[in-house]
Amino acid sequence: MSELMARITLDAGKMHGKPCIRGLRIRVQDVLEMLGSGMTAEEILDEFPDLEVDDIRASLVYAANQVAGTAIIAA
């Protein structure tokens, strides 16, 4: 898991400090939104040749870690 998480970088001077993939100007959020819109991993990799399969996996692990322990309270 830590190998995947090492692919996620935070740099205050890049993309407003949002989590990015390996220092690239591709945000984790972008990858997640593409997956959420129905794009396959293969389509994302075709669209962004600098990305690797493990970058997509790292984005999913990062998102899972962010919501871990989050409680949703019904209104």
N, C-alpha and C. Protein backbone atom coordinates (compact mmCIF):
# COMPACT_ATOMS: atom_id res chain seq x y z
N MET A 1 0.81 -1.19 0.00
CA MET A 1 0.00 0.00 0.00
C MET A 1 0.86 1.26 0.00
N SER A 2 1.94 1.26 0.78
CA SER A 2 2.76 2.46 0.87
C SER A 2 3.44 2.78 -0.46
N GLU A 3 3.71 1.75 -1.27
CA GLU A 3 4.29 1.99 -2.59
C GLU A 3 3.30 2.76 -3.46
N LEU A 4 2.03 2.39 -3.37
CA LEU A 4 1.01 3.11 -4.13
C LEU A 4 0.86 4.53 -3.61
N MET A 5 0.81 4.69 -2.30
CA MET A 5 0.60 6.01 -1.72
C MET A 5 1.78 6.94 -2.02
N ALA A 6 2.95 6.39 -2.25
CA ALA A 6 4.11 7.22 -2.59
C ALA A 6 3.93 7.90 -3.94
N ARG A 7 3.01 7.41 -4.75
CA ARG A 7 2.72 8.01 -6.05
C ARG A 7 1.91 9.29 -5.92
N ILE A 8 1.29 9.50 -4.78
CA ILE A 8 0.47 10.69 -4.55
C ILE A 8 1.35 11.76 -3.92
N THR A 9 1.42 12.92 -4.58
CA THR A 9 2.26 13.99 -4.09
C THR A 9 1.43 15.23 -3.77
N LEU A 10 1.89 15.96 -2.77
CA LEU A 10 1.26 17.22 -2.38
C LEU A 10 2.34 18.29 -2.45
N ASP A 11 2.09 19.32 -3.22
CA ASP A 11 3.04 20.41 -3.38
C ASP A 11 2.25 21.71 -3.41
N ALA A 12 2.47 22.56 -2.43
CA ALA A 12 1.71 23.81 -2.33
C ALA A 12 1.83 24.66 -3.59
N GLY A 13 2.92 24.52 -4.32
CA GLY A 13 3.13 25.31 -5.52
C GLY A 13 2.56 24.71 -6.79
N LYS A 14 1.95 23.54 -6.68
CA LYS A 14 1.40 22.85 -7.85
C LYS A 14 -0.07 22.55 -7.65
N MET A 15 -0.87 22.96 -8.58
CA MET A 15 -2.31 22.65 -8.56
C MET A 15 -2.96 23.05 -7.24
N HIS A 16 -2.51 24.18 -6.70
CA HIS A 16 -3.07 24.73 -5.45
C HIS A 16 -2.96 23.76 -4.27
N GLY A 17 -1.93 22.92 -4.28
CA GLY A 17 -1.70 22.02 -3.17
C GLY A 17 -2.58 20.78 -3.16
N LYS A 18 -3.33 20.57 -4.23
CA LYS A 18 -4.20 19.39 -4.32
C LYS A 18 -3.33 18.15 -4.56
N PRO A 19 -3.78 16.99 -4.08
CA PRO A 19 -3.02 15.76 -4.31
C PRO A 19 -2.94 15.44 -5.80
N CYS A 20 -1.72 15.20 -6.25
CA CYS A 20 -1.45 14.92 -7.67
C CYS A 20 -0.77 13.57 -7.81
N ILE A 21 -0.66 13.16 -9.04
CA ILE A 21 0.00 11.89 -9.36
C ILE A 21 1.47 12.15 -9.69
N ARG A 22 2.37 11.60 -8.89
CA ARG A 22 3.81 11.62 -9.11
C ARG A 22 4.35 12.99 -9.53
N GLY A 23 3.82 14.05 -8.94
CA GLY A 23 4.31 15.38 -9.24
C GLY A 23 3.85 15.94 -10.57
N LEU A 24 3.06 15.16 -11.29
CA LEU A 24 2.50 15.64 -12.56
C LEU A 24 1.37 16.62 -12.27
N ARG A 25 0.92 17.31 -13.26
CA ARG A 25 -0.21 18.23 -13.09
C ARG A 25 -1.52 17.50 -13.39
N ILE A 26 -1.60 16.30 -12.87
CA ILE A 26 -2.83 15.50 -12.97
C ILE A 26 -3.25 15.21 -11.53
N ARG A 27 -4.41 15.77 -11.15
CA ARG A 27 -4.88 15.62 -9.78
C ARG A 27 -5.53 14.25 -9.57
N VAL A 28 -5.45 13.78 -8.35
CA VAL A 28 -6.17 12.56 -7.97
C VAL A 28 -7.66 12.76 -8.29
N GLN A 29 -8.16 13.93 -8.00
CA GLN A 29 -9.56 14.25 -8.26
C GLN A 29 -9.91 14.05 -9.73
N ASP A 30 -9.01 14.44 -10.64
CA ASP A 30 -9.25 14.26 -12.07
C ASP A 30 -9.42 12.79 -12.41
N VAL A 31 -8.53 11.97 -11.87
CA VAL A 31 -8.59 10.53 -12.15
C VAL A 31 -9.90 9.95 -11.61
N LEU A 32 -10.26 10.34 -10.40
CA LEU A 32 -11.49 9.82 -9.81
C LEU A 32 -12.73 10.28 -10.58
N GLU A 33 -12.72 11.52 -11.03
CA GLU A 33 -13.86 12.03 -11.81
C GLU A 33 -13.99 11.30 -13.15
N MET A 34 -12.85 10.99 -13.77
CA MET A 34 -12.89 10.25 -15.03
C MET A 34 -13.46 8.86 -14.80
N LEU A 35 -13.01 8.19 -13.75
CA LEU A 35 -13.55 6.87 -13.43
C LEU A 35 -15.04 6.97 -13.13
N GLY A 36 -15.43 7.98 -12.36
CA GLY A 36 -16.83 8.17 -12.00
C GLY A 36 -17.72 8.47 -13.19
N SER A 37 -17.14 9.09 -14.22
CA SER A 37 -17.93 9.41 -15.40
C SER A 37 -18.10 8.20 -16.32
N GLY A 38 -17.43 7.10 -15.97
CA GLY A 38 -17.58 5.88 -16.75
C GLY A 38 -16.38 5.51 -17.61
N MET A 39 -15.35 6.35 -17.60
CA MET A 39 -14.16 5.99 -18.38
C MET A 39 -13.49 4.77 -17.77
N THR A 40 -12.97 3.92 -18.60
CA THR A 40 -12.22 2.76 -18.12
C THR A 40 -10.78 3.20 -17.85
N ALA A 41 -10.07 2.36 -17.11
CA ALA A 41 -8.66 2.64 -16.85
C ALA A 41 -7.89 2.73 -18.17
N GLU A 42 -8.23 1.87 -19.10
CA GLU A 42 -7.55 1.88 -20.40
C GLU A 42 -7.78 3.20 -21.14
N GLU A 43 -9.01 3.72 -21.07
CA GLU A 43 -9.31 4.99 -21.73
C GLU A 43 -8.54 6.14 -21.09
N ILE A 44 -8.45 6.11 -19.78
CA ILE A 44 -7.70 7.15 -19.06
C ILE A 44 -6.23 7.09 -19.44
N LEU A 45 -5.68 5.90 -19.50
CA LEU A 45 -4.26 5.74 -19.86
C LEU A 45 -4.00 6.18 -21.30
N ASP A 46 -4.96 5.95 -22.18
CA ASP A 46 -4.83 6.41 -23.57
C ASP A 46 -4.85 7.93 -23.64
N GLU A 47 -5.73 8.54 -22.83
CA GLU A 47 -5.89 10.00 -22.81
C GLU A 47 -4.69 10.70 -22.17
N PHE A 48 -4.10 10.05 -21.17
CA PHE A 48 -2.98 10.63 -20.42
C PHE A 48 -1.81 9.64 -20.41
N PRO A 49 -1.00 9.64 -21.45
CA PRO A 49 0.07 8.64 -21.58
C PRO A 49 1.12 8.67 -20.48
N ASP A 50 1.19 9.78 -19.72
CA ASP A 50 2.15 9.84 -18.61
C ASP A 50 1.68 9.02 -17.41
N LEU A 51 0.40 8.67 -17.38
CA LEU A 51 -0.12 7.88 -16.26
C LEU A 51 0.18 6.41 -16.45
N GLU A 52 0.22 5.70 -15.33
CA GLU A 52 0.41 4.25 -15.31
C GLU A 52 -0.74 3.62 -14.54
N VAL A 53 -0.94 2.34 -14.74
CA VAL A 53 -2.03 1.62 -14.07
C VAL A 53 -1.95 1.83 -12.56
N ASP A 54 -0.76 1.78 -11.99
CA ASP A 54 -0.62 1.95 -10.54
C ASP A 54 -1.00 3.36 -10.09
N ASP A 55 -0.96 4.34 -10.97
CA ASP A 55 -1.41 5.68 -10.62
C ASP A 55 -2.92 5.70 -10.39
N ILE A 56 -3.62 4.97 -11.22
CA ILE A 56 -5.08 4.87 -11.06
C ILE A 56 -5.40 4.13 -9.77
N ARG A 57 -4.70 3.04 -9.52
CA ARG A 57 -4.90 2.30 -8.28
C ARG A 57 -4.58 3.17 -7.08
N ALA A 58 -3.52 3.95 -7.16
CA ALA A 58 -3.14 4.83 -6.05
C ALA A 58 -4.22 5.87 -5.79
N SER A 59 -4.84 6.37 -6.84
CA SER A 59 -5.92 7.34 -6.68
C SER A 59 -7.09 6.73 -5.91
N LEU A 60 -7.41 5.49 -6.22
CA LEU A 60 -8.50 4.81 -5.52
C LEU A 60 -8.15 4.55 -4.06
N VAL A 61 -6.93 4.14 -3.80
CA VAL A 61 -6.48 3.91 -2.43
C VAL A 61 -6.49 5.21 -1.65
N TYR A 62 -6.04 6.29 -2.27
CA TYR A 62 -6.03 7.60 -1.61
C TYR A 62 -7.46 8.00 -1.25
N ALA A 63 -8.39 7.83 -2.17
CA ALA A 63 -9.79 8.18 -1.91
C ALA A 63 -10.36 7.33 -0.78
N ALA A 64 -10.06 6.06 -0.78
CA ALA A 64 -10.54 5.17 0.28
C ALA A 64 -9.99 5.60 1.63
N ASN A 65 -8.72 5.98 1.66
CA ASN A 65 -8.12 6.45 2.92
C ASN A 65 -8.76 7.74 3.40
N GLN A 66 -9.16 8.59 2.48
CA GLN A 66 -9.76 9.86 2.85
C GLN A 66 -11.15 9.68 3.48
N VAL A 67 -11.87 8.68 3.04
CA VAL A 67 -13.22 8.48 3.58
C VAL A 67 -13.25 7.46 4.73
N ALA A 68 -12.15 6.81 4.98
CA ALA A 68 -12.10 5.83 6.08
C ALA A 68 -12.45 6.51 7.38
N GLY A 69 -13.37 5.94 8.09
CA GLY A 69 -13.75 6.48 9.38
C GLY A 69 -14.69 7.66 9.31
N THR A 70 -15.06 8.06 8.09
CA THR A 70 -16.01 9.17 7.94
C THR A 70 -17.40 8.67 8.27
N ALA A 71 -18.08 9.40 9.15
CA ALA A 71 -19.44 9.04 9.52
C ALA A 71 -20.40 9.98 8.81
N ILE A 72 -21.45 9.40 8.25
CA ILE A 72 -22.49 10.20 7.62
C ILE A 72 -23.69 10.20 8.56
N ILE A 73 -24.12 11.38 8.92
CA ILE A 73 -25.23 11.52 9.85
C ILE A 73 -26.46 11.96 9.08
N ALA A 74 -27.52 11.18 9.20
CA ALA A 74 -28.77 11.53 8.52
C ALA A 74 -29.34 12.79 9.12
N ALA A 75 -29.88 13.62 8.25
CA ALA A 75 -30.49 14.88 8.70
C ALA A 75 -31.85 14.67 9.29
